[in-house]
Every structure is written in C-alpha cells, then in structure tokens.
Amino acid sequence: MYKAIKDNKIIAINETNNFPCLVYDEVIEDTEHQVSDYKHYDGEFTLHNIEKDNKEMKQARADAYAVEVDPITAHIQRLKDESPIPEGEIAELIAEREAKVAEIKERYPYSGDGHDR
C-alpha cells in the first residue's frame, strides 16, 4: 500500500503507487497496513480508530436526537398534561419516536464494540 504525503499529512492512499493529477511531497510505501485500515478524517487519511468513530457517531446521534426526537417527546409530555389524556394519540407518538430512534441508530451506527444504546 502507498501513501501520498503533503505537508506531513496523508492526502491519498492506494495499492498502485500511482497518484495522477495529485500534488504531493513524497510517496511512502506502507507494508504494515492495508487501504482498509485507513479512514478519511478532516481532509487527511488516518489509521482507522474505532473509538474516534464511535465518539463521532455518538455526537451525531445526540445532535439528531435533539432535532428529531426531542420535539416528539415534548409533544407527548404536553399531551399527558391534558385532561382527559389522549391515550391513542400518545401511543401513536411513542411509536413514531421509537421508529425515529431506530432510524437514527441505523443512520449513525457504532463500530466494533460500541455498545449500541
């Protein structure tokens, strides 16, 4: 596997040692890793890091929950304050919220032993 280096950052990787139309400082052969061991982060390639991936997924999930799930939860809570309590509407919203949580978990999956909670 070969790495194209520019400004001390890995800007490209491949198996061929051919980086056409790419401006780089040097090409280094890496005999310890494979292309699949690397992941693209912030404009450069770094060795795949499950902990870093899961931290990013956790933040992405938190952001999605705040925007997509929390409003449903607030709506459920408001309905519970009504008299009489509209149980059918609440049940529909709870099902919608569960589906939304499952969708977010699928959209932002954890890697390895990330414990999908």
C-alpha atoms as a PDB file:
ATOM      1  CA  MET A   1       0.000   0.000   0.000  1.00  0.00           C
ATOM      2  CA  TYR A   2       1.242   3.507  -0.810  1.00  0.00           C
ATOM      3  CA  LYS A   3       0.580   6.856   0.855  1.00  0.00           C
ATOM      4  CA  ALA A   4       0.896  10.259  -0.807  1.00  0.00           C
ATOM      5  CA  ILE A   5       2.159  12.811   1.716  1.00  0.00           C
ATOM      6  CA  LYS A   6       1.666  16.589   1.515  1.00  0.00           C
ATOM      7  CA  ASP A   7       2.605  18.927   4.379  1.00  0.00           C
ATOM      8  CA  ASN A   8       3.171  15.915   6.668  1.00  0.00           C
ATOM      9  CA  LYS A   9      -0.393  14.656   6.088  1.00  0.00           C
ATOM     10  CA  ILE A  10      -1.544  11.567   4.236  1.00  0.00           C
ATOM     11  CA  ILE A  11      -3.647  13.018   1.426  1.00  0.00           C
ATOM     12  CA  ALA A  12      -4.188   9.830  -0.610  1.00  0.00           C
ATOM     13  CA  ILE A  13      -3.703   6.085  -0.361  1.00  0.00           C
ATOM     14  CA  ASN A  14      -3.799   3.261  -2.891  1.00  0.00           C
ATOM     15  CA  GLU A  15      -2.278  -0.059  -3.871  1.00  0.00           C
ATOM     16  CA  THR A  16      -0.630   1.102  -7.130  1.00  0.00           C
ATOM     17  CA  ASN A  17       1.854   3.863  -6.239  1.00  0.00           C
ATOM     18  CA  ASN A  18       0.182   5.939  -8.957  1.00  0.00           C
ATOM     19  CA  PHE A  19      -1.343   9.281  -7.956  1.00  0.00           C
ATOM     20  CA  PRO A  20      -2.129  11.054 -11.247  1.00  0.00           C
ATOM     21  CA  CYS A  21      -3.004  14.770 -11.117  1.00  0.00           C
ATOM     22  CA  LEU A  22      -2.198  14.911  -7.415  1.00  0.00           C
ATOM     23  CA  VAL A  23       0.336  17.328  -5.946  1.00  0.00           C
ATOM     24  CA  TYR A  24       2.279  15.678  -3.133  1.00  0.00           C
ATOM     25  CA  ASP A  25       5.642  15.954  -1.407  1.00  0.00           C
ATOM     26  CA  GLU A  26       6.500  12.256  -1.341  1.00  0.00           C
ATOM     27  CA  VAL A  27       5.102   8.735  -1.675  1.00  0.00           C
ATOM     28  CA  ILE A  28       5.774   6.247   1.096  1.00  0.00           C
ATOM     29  CA  GLU A  29       5.236   2.501   0.911  1.00  0.00           C
ATOM     30  CA  ASP A  30       3.426   1.150   3.968  1.00  0.00           C
ATOM     31  CA  THR A  31       3.941  -2.605   4.314  1.00  0.00           C
ATOM     32  CA  GLU A  32       2.231  -2.843   7.721  1.00  0.00           C
ATOM     33  CA  HIS A  33      -1.269  -1.689   6.753  1.00  0.00           C
ATOM     34  CA  GLN A  34      -3.913  -2.036   4.068  1.00  0.00           C
ATOM     35  CA  VAL A  35      -6.020   0.669   2.438  1.00  0.00           C
ATOM     36  CA  SER A  36      -8.989  -0.535   4.514  1.00  0.00           C
ATOM     37  CA  ASP A  37      -7.047   0.266   7.705  1.00  0.00           C
ATOM     38  CA  TYR A  38      -7.315   3.975   6.910  1.00  0.00           C
ATOM     39  CA  LYS A  39     -10.270   6.315   7.102  1.00  0.00           C
ATOM     40  CA  HIS A  40     -10.678   9.856   5.820  1.00  0.00           C
ATOM     41  CA  TYR A  41     -10.936  12.441   8.640  1.00  0.00           C
ATOM     42  CA  ASP A  42     -10.837  16.211   8.209  1.00  0.00           C
ATOM     43  CA  GLY A  43      -9.092  16.238   4.825  1.00  0.00           C
ATOM     44  CA  GLU A  44      -6.490  13.575   5.549  1.00  0.00           C
ATOM     45  CA  PHE A  45      -6.262   9.810   5.957  1.00  0.00           C
ATOM     46  CA  THR A  46      -5.569   8.386   9.400  1.00  0.00           C
ATOM     47  CA  LEU A  47      -5.462   4.871  10.721  1.00  0.00           C
ATOM     48  CA  HIS A  48      -8.963   3.668  11.444  1.00  0.00           C
ATOM     49  CA  ASN A  49      -9.810   4.350  15.059  1.00  0.00           C
ATOM     50  CA  ILE A  50     -12.972   2.668  16.364  1.00  0.00           C
ATOM     51  CA  GLU A  51     -13.018   4.836  19.485  1.00  0.00           C
ATOM     52  CA  LYS A  52     -12.849   8.018  17.387  1.00  0.00           C
ATOM     53  CA  ASP A  53     -15.523   6.701  15.002  1.00  0.00           C
ATOM     54  CA  ASN A  54     -17.839   5.894  17.886  1.00  0.00           C
ATOM     55  CA  LYS A  55     -17.254   9.272  19.508  1.00  0.00           C
ATOM     56  CA  GLU A  56     -18.249  10.957  16.240  1.00  0.00           C
ATOM     57  CA  MET A  57     -21.307   8.707  15.892  1.00  0.00           C
ATOM     58  CA  LYS A  58     -22.322   9.424  19.497  1.00  0.00           C
ATOM     59  CA  GLN A  59     -22.207  13.171  18.829  1.00  0.00           C
ATOM     60  CA  ALA A  60     -24.068  12.792  15.526  1.00  0.00           C
ATOM     61  CA  ARG A  61     -26.759  10.764  17.283  1.00  0.00           C
ATOM     62  CA  ALA A  62     -27.050  13.316  20.087  1.00  0.00           C
ATOM     63  CA  ASP A  63     -27.498  16.094  17.538  1.00  0.00           C
ATOM     64  CA  ALA A  64     -30.112  14.084  15.626  1.00  0.00           C
ATOM     65  CA  TYR A  65     -31.988  13.178  18.819  1.00  0.00           C
ATOM     66  CA  ALA A  66     -32.132  16.842  19.832  1.00  0.00           C
ATOM     67  CA  VAL A  67     -33.571  17.881  16.469  1.00  0.00           C
ATOM     68  CA  GLU A  68     -35.720  14.870  15.568  1.00  0.00           C
ATOM     69  CA  VAL A  69     -36.680  13.009  18.767  1.00  0.00           C
ATOM     70  CA  ASP A  70     -36.887  15.652  21.492  1.00  0.00           C
ATOM     71  CA  PRO A  71     -39.773  17.538  19.818  1.00  0.00           C
ATOM     72  CA  ILE A  72     -41.811  14.314  19.738  1.00  0.00           C
ATOM     73  CA  THR A  73     -41.024  13.709  23.423  1.00  0.00           C
ATOM     74  CA  ALA A  74     -42.087  17.269  24.288  1.00  0.00           C
ATOM     75  CA  HIS A  75     -45.334  16.782  22.349  1.00  0.00           C
ATOM     76  CA  ILE A  76     -46.034  13.551  24.267  1.00  0.00           C
ATOM     77  CA  GLN A  77     -45.408  15.331  27.549  1.00  0.00           C
ATOM     78  CA  ARG A  78     -47.765  18.195  26.631  1.00  0.00           C
ATOM     79  CA  LEU A  79     -50.497  15.708  25.743  1.00  0.00           C
ATOM     80  CA  LYS A  80     -50.046  13.975  29.113  1.00  0.00           C
ATOM     81  CA  ASP A  81     -50.876  17.311  30.768  1.00  0.00           C
ATOM     82  CA  GLU A  82     -54.272  17.452  29.023  1.00  0.00           C
ATOM     83  CA  SER A  83     -57.487  16.272  30.581  1.00  0.00           C
ATOM     84  CA  PRO A  84     -58.617  13.796  29.503  1.00  0.00           C
ATOM     85  CA  ILE A  85     -55.310  12.338  28.393  1.00  0.00           C
ATOM     86  CA  PRO A  86     -55.477  11.408  24.668  1.00  0.00           C
ATOM     87  CA  GLU A  87     -54.033   7.896  25.096  1.00  0.00           C
ATOM     88  CA  GLY A  88     -54.408   6.936  21.409  1.00  0.00           C
ATOM     89  CA  GLU A  89     -52.520   9.984  20.154  1.00  0.00           C
ATOM     90  CA  ILE A  90     -49.803   9.455  22.762  1.00  0.00           C
ATOM     91  CA  ALA A  91     -49.417   5.801  21.712  1.00  0.00           C
ATOM     92  CA  GLU A  92     -49.008   6.871  18.063  1.00  0.00           C
ATOM     93  CA  LEU A  93     -46.378   9.436  19.022  1.00  0.00           C
ATOM     94  CA  ILE A  94     -44.488   6.909  21.149  1.00  0.00           C
ATOM     95  CA  ALA A  95     -44.386   4.525  18.170  1.00  0.00           C
ATOM     96  CA  GLU A  96     -43.221   7.382  15.925  1.00  0.00           C
ATOM     97  CA  ARG A  97     -40.495   8.250  18.433  1.00  0.00           C
ATOM     98  CA  GLU A  98     -39.307   4.626  18.653  1.00  0.00           C
ATOM     99  CA  ALA A  99     -39.140   4.435  14.850  1.00  0.00           C
ATOM    100  CA  LYS A 100     -37.193   7.707  14.719  1.00  0.00           C
ATOM    101  CA  VAL A 101     -34.686   6.457  17.323  1.00  0.00           C
ATOM    102  CA  ALA A 102     -34.179   3.226  15.336  1.00  0.00           C
ATOM    103  CA  GLU A 103     -33.684   5.259  12.137  1.00  0.00           C
ATOM    104  CA  ILE A 104     -31.058   7.455  13.817  1.00  0.00           C
ATOM    105  CA  LYS A 105     -29.202   4.412  15.168  1.00  0.00           C
ATOM    106  CA  GLU A 106     -29.137   2.949  11.662  1.00  0.00           C
ATOM    107  CA  ARG A 107     -28.005   6.256  10.127  1.00  0.00           C
ATOM    108  CA  TYR A 108     -25.194   6.677  12.689  1.00  0.00           C
ATOM    109  CA  PRO A 109     -24.002   3.139  13.584  1.00  0.00           C
ATOM    110  CA  TYR A 110     -21.345   2.342  16.129  1.00  0.00           C
ATOM    111  CA  SER A 111     -18.278   0.340  15.049  1.00  0.00           C
ATOM    112  CA  GLY A 112     -16.846  -2.698  16.760  1.00  0.00           C
ATOM    113  CA  ASP A 113     -17.805  -2.925  20.405  1.00  0.00           C
ATOM    114  CA  GLY A 114     -19.521   0.486  20.505  1.00  0.00           C
ATOM    115  CA  HIS A 115     -22.458  -0.872  22.531  1.00  0.00           C
ATOM    116  CA  ASP A 116     -25.448   0.351  20.552  1.00  0.00           C
ATOM    117  CA  ARG A 117     -27.577   2.061  23.176  1.00  0.00           C
END
